[in-house]
Amino acid sequence: MFAAALPPVPVILALMGFGVIVAIAGHITKFRGLVITGLALVFLATAGMLIGGFVAYEDDPSSDPRKERVYQEPAF
């Protein structure tokens, strides 16, 4: 249910790209506030990707790409 409220992946990637562009512009203009804003946008987008992945996995555990392991008791 919460996954529907999260922004789609292209929006997060666009935010990350915009943050990189803002940070580079801040470095070019030597304006520290612009660099900090750009880096904050990149970190915000990264956190959004992590949270989105976690929520998507929690909503649908069958999307786990790992192989299922069968644990057996050791035979002595």
Protein backbone atom coordinates (compact mmCIF):
# COMPACT_ATOMS: atom_id res chain seq x y z
CA MET A 1 0.00 0.00 0.00
CA PHE A 2 2.82 2.37 0.88
CA ALA A 3 4.62 1.52 -2.37
CA ALA A 4 1.90 3.25 -4.39
CA ALA A 5 2.71 6.52 -2.59
CA LEU A 6 6.40 6.38 -3.55
CA PRO A 7 7.56 8.22 -6.67
CA PRO A 8 8.44 6.07 -9.69
CA VAL A 9 12.06 5.23 -10.48
CA PRO A 10 12.49 7.75 -13.36
CA VAL A 11 11.55 10.58 -10.99
CA ILE A 12 14.18 9.48 -8.48
CA LEU A 13 16.82 9.11 -11.20
CA ALA A 14 15.94 12.55 -12.56
CA LEU A 15 16.29 13.99 -9.05
CA MET A 16 19.69 12.35 -8.74
CA GLY A 17 20.82 13.70 -12.11
CA PHE A 18 19.54 17.18 -11.27
CA GLY A 19 21.44 17.04 -7.97
CA VAL A 20 24.67 16.18 -9.78
CA ILE A 21 24.15 19.06 -12.23
CA VAL A 22 23.43 21.49 -9.38
CA ALA A 23 26.53 20.33 -7.48
CA ILE A 24 28.73 20.69 -10.57
CA ALA A 25 27.31 24.17 -11.19
CA GLY A 26 28.10 25.03 -7.59
CA HIS A 27 31.69 23.90 -8.04
CA ILE A 28 32.04 25.91 -11.25
CA THR A 29 30.62 29.07 -9.66
CA LYS A 30 32.41 28.37 -6.32
CA PHE A 31 29.09 28.85 -4.53
CA ARG A 32 29.13 26.56 -1.51
CA GLY A 33 25.36 26.65 -0.95
CA LEU A 34 24.75 25.31 -4.45
CA VAL A 35 27.20 22.45 -3.90
CA ILE A 36 25.54 21.52 -0.61
CA THR A 37 22.09 21.67 -2.21
CA GLY A 38 23.19 19.45 -5.08
CA LEU A 39 24.76 16.88 -2.76
CA ALA A 40 21.67 16.91 -0.55
CA LEU A 41 19.51 16.16 -3.61
CA VAL A 42 21.79 13.26 -4.55
CA PHE A 43 21.63 11.80 -1.04
CA LEU A 44 17.86 12.31 -0.93
CA ALA A 45 17.47 10.44 -4.21
CA THR A 46 19.75 7.65 -2.96
CA ALA A 47 17.66 7.30 0.20
CA GLY A 48 14.53 7.23 -1.96
CA MET A 49 15.96 4.38 -4.03
CA LEU A 50 16.84 2.37 -0.90
CA ILE A 51 13.46 2.93 0.73
CA GLY A 52 11.63 2.20 -2.52
CA GLY A 53 13.50 -1.06 -3.00
CA PHE A 54 12.85 -2.13 0.58
CA VAL A 55 9.15 -1.31 0.38
CA ALA A 56 8.78 -3.06 -2.97
CA TYR A 57 10.42 -6.19 -1.56
CA GLU A 58 8.27 -6.11 1.57
CA ASP A 59 5.09 -5.82 -0.52
CA ASP A 60 6.06 -8.74 -2.79
CA PRO A 61 8.54 -11.22 -1.26
CA SER A 62 8.36 -13.37 -4.41
CA SER A 63 10.44 -10.71 -6.18
CA ASP A 64 13.54 -11.84 -4.26
CA PRO A 65 16.15 -12.74 -6.92
CA ARG A 66 18.09 -15.07 -4.63
CA LYS A 67 17.73 -18.82 -4.94
CA GLU A 68 15.69 -20.48 -2.25
CA ARG A 69 17.83 -22.67 0.00
CA VAL A 70 16.60 -25.86 1.56
CA TYR A 71 18.18 -26.42 4.96
CA GLN A 72 18.60 -29.96 6.16
CA GLU A 73 19.63 -31.33 9.50
CA PRO A 74 23.14 -32.78 9.41
CA ALA A 75 23.15 -36.58 9.44
CA PHE A 76 25.47 -38.05 12.08
